[in-house]
PDB file of all heavy atoms in Angstrom:
ATOM      1  N   ILE A   1      26.777 -11.264  -2.461  1.00  0.00           N
ATOM      2  CA  ILE A   1      26.769 -11.974  -3.741  1.00  0.00           C
ATOM      3  C   ILE A   1      25.701 -13.062  -3.719  1.00  0.00           C
ATOM      4  O   ILE A   1      24.940 -13.216  -4.679  1.00  0.00           O
ATOM      5  CB  ILE A   1      28.160 -12.562  -4.060  1.00  0.00           C
ATOM      6  CG1 ILE A   1      29.134 -11.426  -4.386  1.00  0.00           C
ATOM      7  CG2 ILE A   1      28.086 -13.563  -5.203  1.00  0.00           C
ATOM      8  CD1 ILE A   1      30.580 -11.855  -4.483  1.00  0.00           C
ATOM      9  N   LYS A   2      25.600 -13.792  -2.603  1.00  0.00           N
ATOM     10  CA  LYS A   2      24.577 -14.828  -2.486  1.00  0.00           C
ATOM     11  C   LYS A   2      23.182 -14.225  -2.568  1.00  0.00           C
ATOM     12  O   LYS A   2      22.298 -14.767  -3.226  1.00  0.00           O
ATOM     13  CB  LYS A   2      24.733 -15.598  -1.177  1.00  0.00           C
ATOM     14  CG  LYS A   2      25.880 -16.571  -1.166  1.00  0.00           C
ATOM     15  CD  LYS A   2      25.951 -17.318   0.159  1.00  0.00           C
ATOM     16  CE  LYS A   2      27.152 -18.253   0.197  1.00  0.00           C
ATOM     17  NZ  LYS A   2      27.234 -18.965   1.472  1.00  0.00           N
ATOM     18  N   GLN A   3      22.983 -13.084  -1.903  1.00  0.00           N
ATOM     19  CA  GLN A   3      21.680 -12.417  -1.944  1.00  0.00           C
ATOM     20  C   GLN A   3      21.346 -11.962  -3.368  1.00  0.00           C
ATOM     21  O   GLN A   3      20.214 -12.109  -3.821  1.00  0.00           O
ATOM     22  CB  GLN A   3      21.652 -11.221  -0.988  1.00  0.00           C
ATOM     23  CG  GLN A   3      21.573 -11.615   0.460  1.00  0.00           C
ATOM     24  CD  GLN A   3      21.566 -10.407   1.389  1.00  0.00           C
ATOM     25  OE1 GLN A   3      21.937  -9.296   1.001  1.00  0.00           O
ATOM     26  NE2 GLN A   3      21.140 -10.622   2.621  1.00  0.00           N
ATOM     27  N   ALA A   4      22.341 -11.420  -4.053  1.00  0.00           N
ATOM     28  CA  ALA A   4      22.128 -10.964  -5.429  1.00  0.00           C
ATOM     29  C   ALA A   4      21.800 -12.143  -6.344  1.00  0.00           C
ATOM     30  O   ALA A   4      20.926 -12.046  -7.208  1.00  0.00           O
ATOM     31  CB  ALA A   4      23.355 -10.215  -5.937  1.00  0.00           C
ATOM     32  N   GLN A   5      22.486 -13.262  -6.152  1.00  0.00           N
ATOM     33  CA  GLN A   5      22.218 -14.444  -6.960  1.00  0.00           C
ATOM     34  C   GLN A   5      20.816 -14.982  -6.691  1.00  0.00           C
ATOM     35  O   GLN A   5      20.110 -15.383  -7.616  1.00  0.00           O
ATOM     36  CB  GLN A   5      23.265 -15.527  -6.685  1.00  0.00           C
ATOM     37  CG  GLN A   5      24.630 -15.196  -7.252  1.00  0.00           C
ATOM     38  CD  GLN A   5      25.716 -16.161  -6.806  1.00  0.00           C
ATOM     39  OE1 GLN A   5      25.599 -16.822  -5.770  1.00  0.00           O
ATOM     40  NE2 GLN A   5      26.783 -16.240  -7.585  1.00  0.00           N
ATOM     41  N   LYS A   6      20.395 -14.973  -5.417  1.00  0.00           N
ATOM     42  CA  LYS A   6      19.050 -15.425  -5.085  1.00  0.00           C
ATOM     43  C   LYS A   6      18.019 -14.482  -5.693  1.00  0.00           C
ATOM     44  O   LYS A   6      17.017 -14.929  -6.257  1.00  0.00           O
ATOM     45  CB  LYS A   6      18.855 -15.512  -3.569  1.00  0.00           C
ATOM     46  CG  LYS A   6      17.457 -16.008  -3.196  1.00  0.00           C
ATOM     47  CD  LYS A   6      17.264 -16.133  -1.716  1.00  0.00           C
ATOM     48  CE  LYS A   6      15.918 -16.636  -1.284  1.00  0.00           C
ATOM     49  NZ  LYS A   6      14.807 -16.589  -2.168  1.00  0.00           N
ATOM     50  N   LEU A   7      18.260 -13.189  -5.604  1.00  0.00           N
ATOM     51  CA  LEU A   7      17.345 -12.215  -6.182  1.00  0.00           C
ATOM     52  C   LEU A   7      17.231 -12.426  -7.689  1.00  0.00           C
ATOM     53  O   LEU A   7      16.135 -12.424  -8.248  1.00  0.00           O
ATOM     54  CB  LEU A   7      17.793 -10.780  -5.877  1.00  0.00           C
ATOM     55  CG  LEU A   7      16.941  -9.674  -6.464  1.00  0.00           C
ATOM     56  CD1 LEU A   7      15.516  -9.733  -5.931  1.00  0.00           C
ATOM     57  CD2 LEU A   7      17.554  -8.316  -6.161  1.00  0.00           C
ATOM     58  N   GLN A   8      18.353 -12.637  -8.344  1.00  0.00           N
ATOM     59  CA  GLN A   8      18.344 -12.872  -9.790  1.00  0.00           C
ATOM     60  C   GLN A   8      17.550 -14.134 -10.116  1.00  0.00           C
ATOM     61  O   GLN A   8      16.728 -14.145 -11.037  1.00  0.00           O
ATOM     62  CB  GLN A   8      19.760 -12.985 -10.325  1.00  0.00           C
ATOM     63  CG  GLN A   8      19.819 -13.187 -11.829  1.00  0.00           C
ATOM     64  CD  GLN A   8      21.239 -13.299 -12.349  1.00  0.00           C
ATOM     65  OE1 GLN A   8      22.160 -13.623 -11.609  1.00  0.00           O
ATOM     66  NE2 GLN A   8      21.409 -13.042 -13.628  1.00  0.00           N
ATOM     67  N   SER A   9      17.768 -15.195  -9.343  1.00  0.00           N
ATOM     68  CA  SER A   9      17.041 -16.452  -9.566  1.00  0.00           C
ATOM     69  C   SER A   9      15.545 -16.245  -9.344  1.00  0.00           C
ATOM     70  O   SER A   9      14.721 -16.705 -10.147  1.00  0.00           O
ATOM     71  CB  SER A   9      17.581 -17.516  -8.613  1.00  0.00           C
ATOM     72  OG  SER A   9      16.799 -18.680  -8.681  1.00  0.00           O
ATOM     73  N   ASP A  10      15.188 -15.547  -8.271  1.00  0.00           N
ATOM     74  CA  ASP A  10      13.775 -15.279  -7.982  1.00  0.00           C
ATOM     75  C   ASP A  10      13.139 -14.425  -9.069  1.00  0.00           C
ATOM     76  O   ASP A  10      11.983 -14.640  -9.446  1.00  0.00           O
ATOM     77  CB  ASP A  10      13.625 -14.590  -6.625  1.00  0.00           C
ATOM     78  CG  ASP A  10      13.955 -15.517  -5.453  1.00  0.00           C
ATOM     79  OD1 ASP A  10      14.080 -16.741  -5.669  1.00  0.00           O
ATOM     80  OD2 ASP A  10      14.098 -14.998  -4.322  1.00  0.00           O
ATOM     81  N   MET A  11      13.887 -13.459  -9.582  1.00  0.00           N
ATOM     82  CA  MET A  11      13.353 -12.593 -10.636  1.00  0.00           C
ATOM     83  C   MET A  11      13.112 -13.375 -11.920  1.00  0.00           C
ATOM     84  O   MET A  11      12.103 -13.174 -12.596  1.00  0.00           O
ATOM     85  CB  MET A  11      14.299 -11.410 -10.888  1.00  0.00           C
ATOM     86  CG  MET A  11      14.276 -10.402  -9.764  1.00  0.00           C
ATOM     87  SD  MET A  11      15.434  -9.040 -10.012  1.00  0.00           S
ATOM     88  CE  MET A  11      14.568  -8.130 -11.283  1.00  0.00           C
ATOM     89  N   MET A  12      14.021 -14.288 -12.247  1.00  0.00           N
ATOM     90  CA  MET A  12      13.842 -15.102 -13.453  1.00  0.00           C
ATOM     91  C   MET A  12      12.633 -16.014 -13.298  1.00  0.00           C
ATOM     92  O   MET A  12      11.853 -16.176 -14.239  1.00  0.00           O
ATOM     93  CB  MET A  12      15.117 -15.907 -13.731  1.00  0.00           C
ATOM     94  CG  MET A  12      16.272 -15.034 -14.187  1.00  0.00           C
ATOM     95  SD  MET A  12      17.813 -15.949 -14.398  1.00  0.00           S
ATOM     96  CE  MET A  12      17.391 -16.965 -15.801  1.00  0.00           C
ATOM     97  N   LYS A  13      12.460 -16.589 -12.105  1.00  0.00           N
ATOM     98  CA  LYS A  13      11.309 -17.446 -11.839  1.00  0.00           C
ATOM     99  C   LYS A  13      10.021 -16.636 -11.953  1.00  0.00           C
ATOM    100  O   LYS A  13       9.053 -17.071 -12.577  1.00  0.00           O
ATOM    101  CB  LYS A  13      11.423 -18.065 -10.450  1.00  0.00           C
ATOM    102  CG  LYS A  13      10.272 -18.973 -10.084  1.00  0.00           C
ATOM    103  CD  LYS A  13      10.444 -19.532  -8.680  1.00  0.00           C
ATOM    104  CE  LYS A  13       9.215 -20.327  -8.282  1.00  0.00           C
ATOM    105  NZ  LYS A  13       9.244 -20.714  -6.885  1.00  0.00           N
ATOM    106  N   MET A  14      10.020 -15.429 -11.360  1.00  0.00           N
ATOM    107  CA  MET A  14       8.841 -14.577 -11.412  1.00  0.00           C
ATOM    108  C   MET A  14       8.517 -14.191 -12.852  1.00  0.00           C
ATOM    109  O   MET A  14       7.362 -14.215 -13.267  1.00  0.00           O
ATOM    110  CB  MET A  14       9.044 -13.298 -10.590  1.00  0.00           C
ATOM    111  CG  MET A  14       7.821 -12.393 -10.589  1.00  0.00           C
ATOM    112  SD  MET A  14       8.151 -10.743  -9.970  1.00  0.00           S
ATOM    113  CE  MET A  14       9.109 -10.082 -11.313  1.00  0.00           C
ATOM    114  N   GLN A  15       9.537 -13.866 -13.637  1.00  0.00           N
ATOM    115  CA  GLN A  15       9.308 -13.484 -15.032  1.00  0.00           C
ATOM    116  C   GLN A  15       8.671 -14.636 -15.805  1.00  0.00           C
ATOM    117  O   GLN A  15       7.728 -14.426 -16.561  1.00  0.00           O
ATOM    118  CB  GLN A  15      10.622 -13.074 -15.694  1.00  0.00           C
ATOM    119  CG  GLN A  15      10.439 -12.625 -17.129  1.00  0.00           C
ATOM    120  CD  GLN A  15      11.733 -12.165 -17.765  1.00  0.00           C
ATOM    121  OE1 GLN A  15      12.795 -12.200 -17.169  1.00  0.00           O
ATOM    122  NE2 GLN A  15      11.650 -11.740 -19.009  1.00  0.00           N
ATOM    123  N   THR A  16       9.147 -15.836 -15.587  1.00  0.00           N
ATOM    124  CA  THR A  16       8.575 -17.002 -16.254  1.00  0.00           C
ATOM    125  C   THR A  16       7.118 -17.189 -15.853  1.00  0.00           C
ATOM    126  O   THR A  16       6.255 -17.430 -16.708  1.00  0.00           O
ATOM    127  CB  THR A  16       9.392 -18.267 -15.917  1.00  0.00           C
ATOM    128  OG1 THR A  16      10.737 -18.082 -16.369  1.00  0.00           O
ATOM    129  CG2 THR A  16       8.800 -19.498 -16.577  1.00  0.00           C
ATOM    130  N   GLU A  17       6.843 -17.063 -14.555  1.00  0.00           N
ATOM    131  CA  GLU A  17       5.468 -17.201 -14.077  1.00  0.00           C
ATOM    132  C   GLU A  17       4.569 -16.117 -14.668  1.00  0.00           C
ATOM    133  O   GLU A  17       3.430 -16.391 -15.052  1.00  0.00           O
ATOM    134  CB  GLU A  17       5.427 -17.138 -12.551  1.00  0.00           C
ATOM    135  CG  GLU A  17       6.025 -18.352 -11.878  1.00  0.00           C
ATOM    136  CD  GLU A  17       6.166 -18.207 -10.372  1.00  0.00           C
ATOM    137  OE1 GLU A  17       5.846 -17.121  -9.823  1.00  0.00           O
ATOM    138  OE2 GLU A  17       6.616 -19.169  -9.733  1.00  0.00           O
ATOM    139  N   MET A  18       5.062 -14.888 -14.735  1.00  0.00           N
ATOM    140  CA  MET A  18       4.270 -13.784 -15.265  1.00  0.00           C
ATOM    141  C   MET A  18       3.982 -13.987 -16.755  1.00  0.00           C
ATOM    142  O   MET A  18       2.896 -13.664 -17.229  1.00  0.00           O
ATOM    143  CB  MET A  18       4.980 -12.447 -15.052  1.00  0.00           C
ATOM    144  CG  MET A  18       5.191 -12.061 -13.594  1.00  0.00           C
ATOM    145  SD  MET A  18       3.682 -11.873 -12.636  1.00  0.00           S
ATOM    146  CE  MET A  18       2.894 -10.542 -13.475  1.00  0.00           C
ATOM    147  N   GLU A  19       4.943 -14.511 -17.488  1.00  0.00           N
ATOM    148  CA  GLU A  19       4.753 -14.737 -18.920  1.00  0.00           C
ATOM    149  C   GLU A  19       3.688 -15.795 -19.190  1.00  0.00           C
ATOM    150  O   GLU A  19       3.080 -15.802 -20.250  1.00  0.00           O
ATOM    151  CB  GLU A  19       6.081 -15.125 -19.577  1.00  0.00           C
ATOM    152  CG  GLU A  19       7.039 -13.964 -19.692  1.00  0.00           C
ATOM    153  CD  GLU A  19       8.384 -14.348 -20.278  1.00  0.00           C
ATOM    154  OE1 GLU A  19       8.647 -15.557 -20.490  1.00  0.00           O
ATOM    155  OE2 GLU A  19       9.194 -13.433 -20.515  1.00  0.00           O
ATOM    156  N   GLU A  20       3.462 -16.676 -18.234  1.00  0.00           N
ATOM    157  CA  GLU A  20       2.474 -17.732 -18.404  1.00  0.00           C
ATOM    158  C   GLU A  20       1.058 -17.275 -18.059  1.00  0.00           C
ATOM    159  O   GLU A  20       0.098 -17.972 -18.356  1.00  0.00           O
ATOM    160  CB  GLU A  20       2.860 -18.941 -17.547  1.00  0.00           C
ATOM    161  CG  GLU A  20       4.131 -19.622 -18.025  1.00  0.00           C
ATOM    162  CD  GLU A  20       4.621 -20.704 -17.077  1.00  0.00           C
ATOM    163  OE1 GLU A  20       4.020 -20.890 -15.993  1.00  0.00           O
ATOM    164  OE2 GLU A  20       5.616 -21.358 -17.419  1.00  0.00           O
ATOM    165  N   GLN A  21       0.933 -16.121 -17.438  1.00  0.00           N
ATOM    166  CA  GLN A  21      -0.386 -15.627 -17.058  1.00  0.00           C
ATOM    167  C   GLN A  21      -1.034 -14.866 -18.205  1.00  0.00           C
ATOM    168  O   GLN A  21      -0.383 -14.487 -19.169  1.00  0.00           O
ATOM    169  CB  GLN A  21      -0.266 -14.712 -15.844  1.00  0.00           C
ATOM    170  CG  GLN A  21       0.161 -15.461 -14.601  1.00  0.00           C
ATOM    171  CD  GLN A  21      -0.019 -14.634 -13.350  1.00  0.00           C
ATOM    172  OE1 GLN A  21      -0.781 -13.677 -13.331  1.00  0.00           O
ATOM    173  NE2 GLN A  21       0.682 -15.010 -12.300  1.00  0.00           N
ATOM    174  N   SER A  22      -2.341 -14.653 -18.057  1.00  0.00           N
ATOM    175  CA  SER A  22      -3.053 -13.823 -19.029  1.00  0.00           C
ATOM    176  C   SER A  22      -3.928 -12.840 -18.267  1.00  0.00           C
ATOM    177  O   SER A  22      -4.297 -13.075 -17.112  1.00  0.00           O
ATOM    178  CB  SER A  22      -3.900 -14.683 -19.971  1.00  0.00           C
ATOM    179  OG  SER A  22      -4.888 -15.384 -19.255  1.00  0.00           O
ATOM    180  N   TYR A  23      -4.229 -11.734 -18.910  1.00  0.00           N
ATOM    181  CA  TYR A  23      -4.979 -10.645 -18.302  1.00  0.00           C
ATOM    182  C   TYR A  23      -6.121 -10.278 -19.240  1.00  0.00           C
ATOM    183  O   TYR A  23      -5.898 -10.025 -20.420  1.00  0.00           O
ATOM    184  CB  TYR A  23      -4.063  -9.446 -18.053  1.00  0.00           C
ATOM    185  CG  TYR A  23      -2.852  -9.846 -17.243  1.00  0.00           C
ATOM    186  CD1 TYR A  23      -1.693 -10.305 -17.871  1.00  0.00           C
ATOM    187  CD2 TYR A  23      -2.901  -9.841 -15.861  1.00  0.00           C
ATOM    188  CE1 TYR A  23      -0.604 -10.713 -17.130  1.00  0.00           C
ATOM    189  CE2 TYR A  23      -1.809 -10.256 -15.109  1.00  0.00           C
ATOM    190  CZ  TYR A  23      -0.666 -10.692 -15.744  1.00  0.00           C
ATOM    191  OH  TYR A  23       0.410 -11.111 -15.014  1.00  0.00           O
ATOM    192  N   THR A  24      -7.329 -10.274 -18.705  1.00  0.00           N
ATOM    193  CA  THR A  24      -8.521 -10.054 -19.508  1.00  0.00           C
ATOM    194  C   THR A  24      -9.196  -8.759 -19.090  1.00  0.00           C
ATOM    195  O   THR A  24      -9.281  -8.449 -17.905  1.00  0.00           O
ATOM    196  CB  THR A  24      -9.507 -11.224 -19.323  1.00  0.00           C
ATOM    197  OG1 THR A  24      -8.841 -12.439 -19.678  1.00  0.00           O
ATOM    198  CG2 THR A  24     -10.736 -11.050 -20.185  1.00  0.00           C
ATOM    199  N   ALA A  25      -9.677  -8.024 -20.082  1.00  0.00           N
ATOM    200  CA  ALA A  25     -10.447  -6.808 -19.817  1.00  0.00           C
ATOM    201  C   ALA A  25     -11.548  -6.704 -20.857  1.00  0.00           C
ATOM    202  O   ALA A  25     -11.422  -7.202 -21.978  1.00  0.00           O
ATOM    203  CB  ALA A  25      -9.553  -5.579 -19.867  1.00  0.00           C
ATOM    204  N   GLN A  26     -12.625  -6.045 -20.441  1.00  0.00           N
ATOM    205  CA  GLN A  26     -13.765  -5.863 -21.336  1.00  0.00           C
ATOM    206  C   GLN A  26     -14.099  -4.382 -21.435  1.00  0.00           C
ATOM    207  O   GLN A  26     -13.754  -3.597 -20.555  1.00  0.00           O
ATOM    208  CB  GLN A  26     -14.983  -6.615 -20.810  1.00  0.00           C
ATOM    209  CG  GLN A  26     -14.792  -8.107 -20.779  1.00  0.00           C
ATOM    210  CD  GLN A  26     -16.014  -8.834 -20.241  1.00  0.00           C
ATOM    211  OE1 GLN A  26     -16.750  -8.311 -19.418  1.00  0.00           O
ATOM    212  NE2 GLN A  26     -16.227 -10.052 -20.731  1.00  0.00           N
ATOM    213  N   SER A  27     -14.790  -4.032 -22.508  1.00  0.00           N
ATOM    214  CA  SER A  27     -15.293  -2.669 -22.659  1.00  0.00           C
ATOM    215  C   SER A  27     -16.680  -2.738 -23.292  1.00  0.00           C
ATOM    216  O   SER A  27     -17.096  -3.774 -23.805  1.00  0.00           O
ATOM    217  CB  SER A  27     -14.338  -1.826 -23.517  1.00  0.00           C
ATOM    218  OG  SER A  27     -14.293  -2.304 -24.842  1.00  0.00           O
ATOM    219  N   GLY A  28     -17.361  -1.611 -23.226  1.00  0.00           N
ATOM    220  CA  GLY A  28     -18.700  -1.556 -23.818  1.00  0.00           C
ATOM    221  C   GLY A  28     -19.676  -2.498 -23.157  1.00  0.00           C
ATOM    222  O   GLY A  28     -20.528  -3.077 -23.831  1.00  0.00           O
ATOM    223  N   GLY A  29     -19.530  -2.686 -21.854  1.00  0.00           N
ATOM    224  CA  GLY A  29     -20.439  -3.585 -21.158  1.00  0.00           C
ATOM    225  C   GLY A  29     -20.214  -5.039 -21.501  1.00  0.00           C
ATOM    226  O   GLY A  29     -21.115  -5.864 -21.351  1.00  0.00           O
ATOM    227  N   GLY A  30     -19.039  -5.371 -21.979  1.00  0.00           N
ATOM    228  CA  GLY A  30     -18.701  -6.760 -22.280  1.00  0.00           C
ATOM    229  C   GLY A  30     -18.808  -7.131 -23.744  1.00  0.00           C
ATOM    230  O   GLY A  30     -18.606  -8.296 -24.090  1.00  0.00           O
ATOM    231  N   VAL A  31     -19.096  -6.164 -24.626  1.00  0.00           N
ATOM    232  CA  VAL A  31     -19.212  -6.509 -26.048  1.00  0.00           C
ATOM    233  C   VAL A  31     -17.850  -6.695 -26.711  1.00  0.00           C
ATOM    234  O   VAL A  31     -17.752  -7.310 -27.767  1.00  0.00           O
ATOM    235  CB  VAL A  31     -20.070  -5.489 -26.842  1.00  0.00           C
ATOM    236  CG1 VAL A  31     -21.506  -5.504 -26.355  1.00  0.00           C
ATOM    237  CG2 VAL A  31     -19.484  -4.098 -26.792  1.00  0.00           C
ATOM    238  N   VAL A  32     -16.792  -6.158 -26.071  1.00  0.00           N
ATOM    239  CA  VAL A  32     -15.430  -6.363 -26.568  1.00  0.00           C
ATOM    240  C   VAL A  32     -14.589  -6.883 -25.407  1.00  0.00           C
ATOM    241  O   VAL A  32     -14.584  -6.297 -24.325  1.00  0.00           O
ATOM    242  CB  VAL A  32     -14.812  -5.063 -27.129  1.00  0.00           C
ATOM    243  CG1 VAL A  32     -13.352  -5.291 -27.515  1.00  0.00           C
ATOM    244  CG2 VAL A  32     -15.598  -4.572 -28.337  1.00  0.00           C
ATOM    245  N   THR A  33     -13.906  -8.006 -25.653  1.00  0.00           N
ATOM    246  CA  THR A  33     -13.033  -8.610 -24.647  1.00  0.00           C
ATOM    247  C   THR A  33     -11.652  -8.779 -25.245  1.00  0.00           C
ATOM    248  O   THR A  33     -11.506  -9.298 -26.352  1.00  0.00           O
ATOM    249  CB  THR A  33     -13.573  -9.996 -24.209  1.00  0.00           C
ATOM    250  OG1 THR A  33     -14.897  -9.834 -23.707  1.00  0.00           O
ATOM    251  CG2 THR A  33     -12.691 -10.625 -23.151  1.00  0.00           C
ATOM    252  N   ALA A  34     -10.642  -8.334 -24.495  1.00  0.00           N
ATOM    253  CA  ALA A  34      -9.253  -8.476 -24.929  1.00  0.00           C
ATOM    254  C   ALA A  34      -8.502  -9.298 -23.888  1.00  0.00           C
ATOM    255  O   ALA A  34      -8.695  -9.124 -22.687  1.00  0.00           O
ATOM    256  CB  ALA A  34      -8.599  -7.117 -25.087  1.00  0.00           C
ATOM    257  N   VAL A  35      -7.647 -10.196 -24.375  1.00  0.00           N
ATOM    258  CA  VAL A  35      -6.810 -11.006 -23.495  1.00  0.00           C
ATOM    259  C   VAL A  35      -5.357 -10.743 -23.882  1.00  0.00           C
ATOM    260  O   VAL A  35      -4.974 -10.880 -25.046  1.00  0.00           O
ATOM    261  CB  VAL A  35      -7.142 -12.511 -23.611  1.00  0.00           C
ATOM    262  CG1 VAL A  35      -6.245 -13.324 -22.674  1.00  0.00           C
ATOM    263  CG2 VAL A  35      -8.611 -12.764 -23.312  1.00  0.00           C
ATOM    264  N   ILE A  36      -4.561 -10.359 -22.871  1.00  0.00           N
ATOM    265  CA  ILE A  36      -3.144 -10.039 -23.066  1.00  0.00           C
ATOM    266  C   ILE A  36      -2.321 -11.084 -22.322  1.00  0.00           C
ATOM    267  O   ILE A  36      -2.641 -11.440 -21.194  1.00  0.00           O
ATOM    268  CB  ILE A  36      -2.818  -8.633 -22.488  1.00  0.00           C
ATOM    269  CG1 ILE A  36      -3.678  -7.551 -23.131  1.00  0.00           C
ATOM    270  CG2 ILE A  36      -1.340  -8.314 -22.608  1.00  0.00           C
ATOM    271  CD1 ILE A  36      -3.393  -7.308 -24.584  1.00  0.00           C
ATOM    272  N   SER A  37      -1.246 -11.554 -22.943  1.00  0.00           N
ATOM    273  CA  SER A  37      -0.359 -12.498 -22.269  1.00  0.00           C
ATOM    274  C   SER A  37       0.615 -11.728 -21.384  1.00  0.00           C
ATOM    275  O   SER A  37       0.751 -10.509 -21.494  1.00  0.00           O
ATOM    276  CB  SER A  37       0.433 -13.318 -23.295  1.00  0.00           C
ATOM    277  OG  SER A  37       1.439 -12.522 -23.892  1.00  0.00           O
TER     278      SER A  37
END
């Protein structure tokens, strides 16, 4: 139960951290840039 609770807490922390990041990609040699949260 303690391990499951820690895993749940770690997963919630990771989800929050992931939501704060952004991911950028380009196409056409850089003429189009998209940023995804």
